[in-house]
Amino acid sequence: MQEKLFINVSKSGETDSLLKMSNSAKKNGIKIISFTGDSENSLSKLADISLKIVDMDAMDDRNKSASSFYPNVLMLFEFLIGEYLERIKEDSIKN
């Protein structure tokens, strides 16, 4: 059986469309990872894994100012993918 994963990114963790999709994913047994700017929010509570990303301008709920939130999400994605690929490489060498 193939595993399924829903990854969502929301600065507030309260984005309506992501909450609807996350609820649907949860009902269908799909694992959820959330990347949010705060650990206490609706998406984090739904997620199987919730990662809080530093947000220098948490009060900017309309994303009008420059922020490090989205670049930090991208850097964490790169790090996690790099770690995953390294683990796959090590496992293939062992086998």
C-alpha atoms as a PDB file:
ATOM      1  CA  MET A   1       0.000   0.000   0.000  1.00  0.00           C
ATOM      2  CA  GLN A   2       1.244   3.442  -0.886  1.00  0.00           C
ATOM      3  CA  GLU A   3       1.411   5.983   1.934  1.00  0.00           C
ATOM      4  CA  LYS A   4      -0.115   9.413   1.384  1.00  0.00           C
ATOM      5  CA  LEU A   5       0.960  12.718   2.891  1.00  0.00           C
ATOM      6  CA  PHE A   6      -0.560  16.186   2.856  1.00  0.00           C
ATOM      7  CA  ILE A   7       1.897  19.021   3.473  1.00  0.00           C
ATOM      8  CA  ASN A   8       0.527  22.465   4.185  1.00  0.00           C
ATOM      9  CA  VAL A   9       2.144  25.842   4.739  1.00  0.00           C
ATOM     10  CA  SER A  10       0.258  28.648   6.452  1.00  0.00           C
ATOM     11  CA  LYS A  11       1.750  31.577   8.300  1.00  0.00           C
ATOM     12  CA  SER A  12      -1.282  31.868  10.602  1.00  0.00           C
ATOM     13  CA  GLY A  13      -2.328  28.225  10.648  1.00  0.00           C
ATOM     14  CA  GLU A  14      -5.910  29.394  10.159  1.00  0.00           C
ATOM     15  CA  THR A  15      -6.228  29.435   6.338  1.00  0.00           C
ATOM     16  CA  ASP A  16      -9.797  28.274   5.591  1.00  0.00           C
ATOM     17  CA  SER A  17      -9.007  26.332   2.418  1.00  0.00           C
ATOM     18  CA  LEU A  18      -6.123  24.472   4.092  1.00  0.00           C
ATOM     19  CA  LEU A  19      -8.272  23.678   7.110  1.00  0.00           C
ATOM     20  CA  LYS A  20     -10.947  22.170   4.847  1.00  0.00           C
ATOM     21  CA  MET A  21      -8.379  20.125   2.910  1.00  0.00           C
ATOM     22  CA  SER A  22      -6.657  19.016   6.130  1.00  0.00           C
ATOM     23  CA  ASN A  23      -9.953  17.885   7.660  1.00  0.00           C
ATOM     24  CA  SER A  24     -10.703  15.913   4.499  1.00  0.00           C
ATOM     25  CA  ALA A  25      -7.214  14.380   4.512  1.00  0.00           C
ATOM     26  CA  LYS A  26      -7.568  13.399   8.173  1.00  0.00           C
ATOM     27  CA  LYS A  27     -10.966  11.745   7.527  1.00  0.00           C
ATOM     28  CA  ASN A  28      -9.374   9.738   4.698  1.00  0.00           C
ATOM     29  CA  GLY A  29      -6.431   8.525   6.787  1.00  0.00           C
ATOM     30  CA  ILE A  30      -3.870  10.777   5.114  1.00  0.00           C
ATOM     31  CA  LYS A  31      -0.989  11.942   7.306  1.00  0.00           C
ATOM     32  CA  ILE A  32      -0.570  15.727   7.644  1.00  0.00           C
ATOM     33  CA  ILE A  33       2.516  17.867   8.136  1.00  0.00           C
ATOM     34  CA  SER A  34       2.019  21.556   8.826  1.00  0.00           C
ATOM     35  CA  PHE A  35       4.504  24.396   8.603  1.00  0.00           C
ATOM     36  CA  THR A  36       3.076  27.398  10.471  1.00  0.00           C
ATOM     37  CA  GLY A  37       4.286  30.590  12.117  1.00  0.00           C
ATOM     38  CA  ASP A  38       2.781  29.627  15.466  1.00  0.00           C
ATOM     39  CA  SER A  39       2.447  26.332  17.285  1.00  0.00           C
ATOM     40  CA  GLU A  40      -1.020  27.073  18.691  1.00  0.00           C
ATOM     41  CA  ASN A  41      -3.379  27.119  15.714  1.00  0.00           C
ATOM     42  CA  SER A  42      -6.015  24.980  14.033  1.00  0.00           C
ATOM     43  CA  LEU A  43      -3.701  23.450  11.398  1.00  0.00           C
ATOM     44  CA  SER A  44      -1.095  22.473  13.975  1.00  0.00           C
ATOM     45  CA  LYS A  45      -3.765  20.713  16.026  1.00  0.00           C
ATOM     46  CA  LEU A  46      -4.913  18.694  12.976  1.00  0.00           C
ATOM     47  CA  ALA A  47      -1.399  17.788  11.843  1.00  0.00           C
ATOM     48  CA  ASP A  48       0.417  14.577  12.681  1.00  0.00           C
ATOM     49  CA  ILE A  49       3.643  16.576  12.573  1.00  0.00           C
ATOM     50  CA  SER A  50       3.568  20.308  13.193  1.00  0.00           C
ATOM     51  CA  LEU A  51       6.625  22.446  12.565  1.00  0.00           C
ATOM     52  CA  LYS A  52       6.746  26.012  13.842  1.00  0.00           C
ATOM     53  CA  ILE A  53       8.678  28.358  11.573  1.00  0.00           C
ATOM     54  CA  VAL A  54      10.153  31.598  12.891  1.00  0.00           C
ATOM     55  CA  ASP A  55       8.082  34.562  11.745  1.00  0.00           C
ATOM     56  CA  MET A  56       9.676  37.942  12.376  1.00  0.00           C
ATOM     57  CA  ASP A  57       6.410  39.752  11.597  1.00  0.00           C
ATOM     58  CA  ALA A  58       3.670  37.589  13.068  1.00  0.00           C
ATOM     59  CA  MET A  59       1.199  40.470  13.182  1.00  0.00           C
ATOM     60  CA  ASP A  60       1.257  40.846   9.371  1.00  0.00           C
ATOM     61  CA  ASP A  61      -1.644  38.481   8.722  1.00  0.00           C
ATOM     62  CA  ARG A  62      -2.104  39.767   5.154  1.00  0.00           C
ATOM     63  CA  ASN A  63       1.546  39.119   4.158  1.00  0.00           C
ATOM     64  CA  LYS A  64       2.098  42.727   3.078  1.00  0.00           C
ATOM     65  CA  SER A  65       5.578  43.142   4.581  1.00  0.00           C
ATOM     66  CA  ALA A  66       8.789  41.343   3.788  1.00  0.00           C
ATOM     67  CA  SER A  67       9.158  38.367   6.108  1.00  0.00           C
ATOM     68  CA  SER A  68      11.567  35.523   6.720  1.00  0.00           C
ATOM     69  CA  PHE A  69       8.712  33.012   7.174  1.00  0.00           C
ATOM     70  CA  TYR A  70       8.524  31.683   3.603  1.00  0.00           C
ATOM     71  CA  PRO A  71      12.310  31.617   3.017  1.00  0.00           C
ATOM     72  CA  ASN A  72      12.644  29.716   6.323  1.00  0.00           C
ATOM     73  CA  VAL A  73      10.031  27.198   5.122  1.00  0.00           C
ATOM     74  CA  LEU A  74      12.004  26.674   1.897  1.00  0.00           C
ATOM     75  CA  MET A  75      15.266  26.202   3.798  1.00  0.00           C
ATOM     76  CA  LEU A  76      13.642  23.648   6.087  1.00  0.00           C
ATOM     77  CA  PHE A  77      12.183  21.817   3.039  1.00  0.00           C
ATOM     78  CA  GLU A  78      15.665  21.660   1.514  1.00  0.00           C
ATOM     79  CA  PHE A  79      17.155  20.391   4.769  1.00  0.00           C
ATOM     80  CA  LEU A  80      14.490  17.703   5.276  1.00  0.00           C
ATOM     81  CA  ILE A  81      14.694  16.496   1.672  1.00  0.00           C
ATOM     82  CA  GLY A  82      18.495  16.396   1.909  1.00  0.00           C
ATOM     83  CA  GLU A  83      18.307  14.322   5.096  1.00  0.00           C
ATOM     84  CA  TYR A  84      15.768  11.972   3.505  1.00  0.00           C
ATOM     85  CA  LEU A  85      17.896  11.470   0.387  1.00  0.00           C
ATOM     86  CA  GLU A  86      20.990  10.842   2.511  1.00  0.00           C
ATOM     87  CA  ARG A  87      19.096   8.204   4.506  1.00  0.00           C
ATOM     88  CA  ILE A  88      17.941   6.490   1.304  1.00  0.00           C
ATOM     89  CA  LYS A  89      21.517   6.494   0.023  1.00  0.00           C
ATOM     90  CA  GLU A  90      22.827   4.973   3.279  1.00  0.00           C
ATOM     91  CA  ASP A  91      20.098   2.317   3.258  1.00  0.00           C
ATOM     92  CA  SER A  92      20.905   1.323  -0.334  1.00  0.00           C
ATOM     93  CA  ILE A  93      24.596   0.947   0.534  1.00  0.00           C
ATOM     94  CA  LYS A  94      23.739  -1.324   3.503  1.00  0.00           C
ATOM     95  CA  ASN A  95      21.560  -3.563   1.373  1.00  0.00           C
END
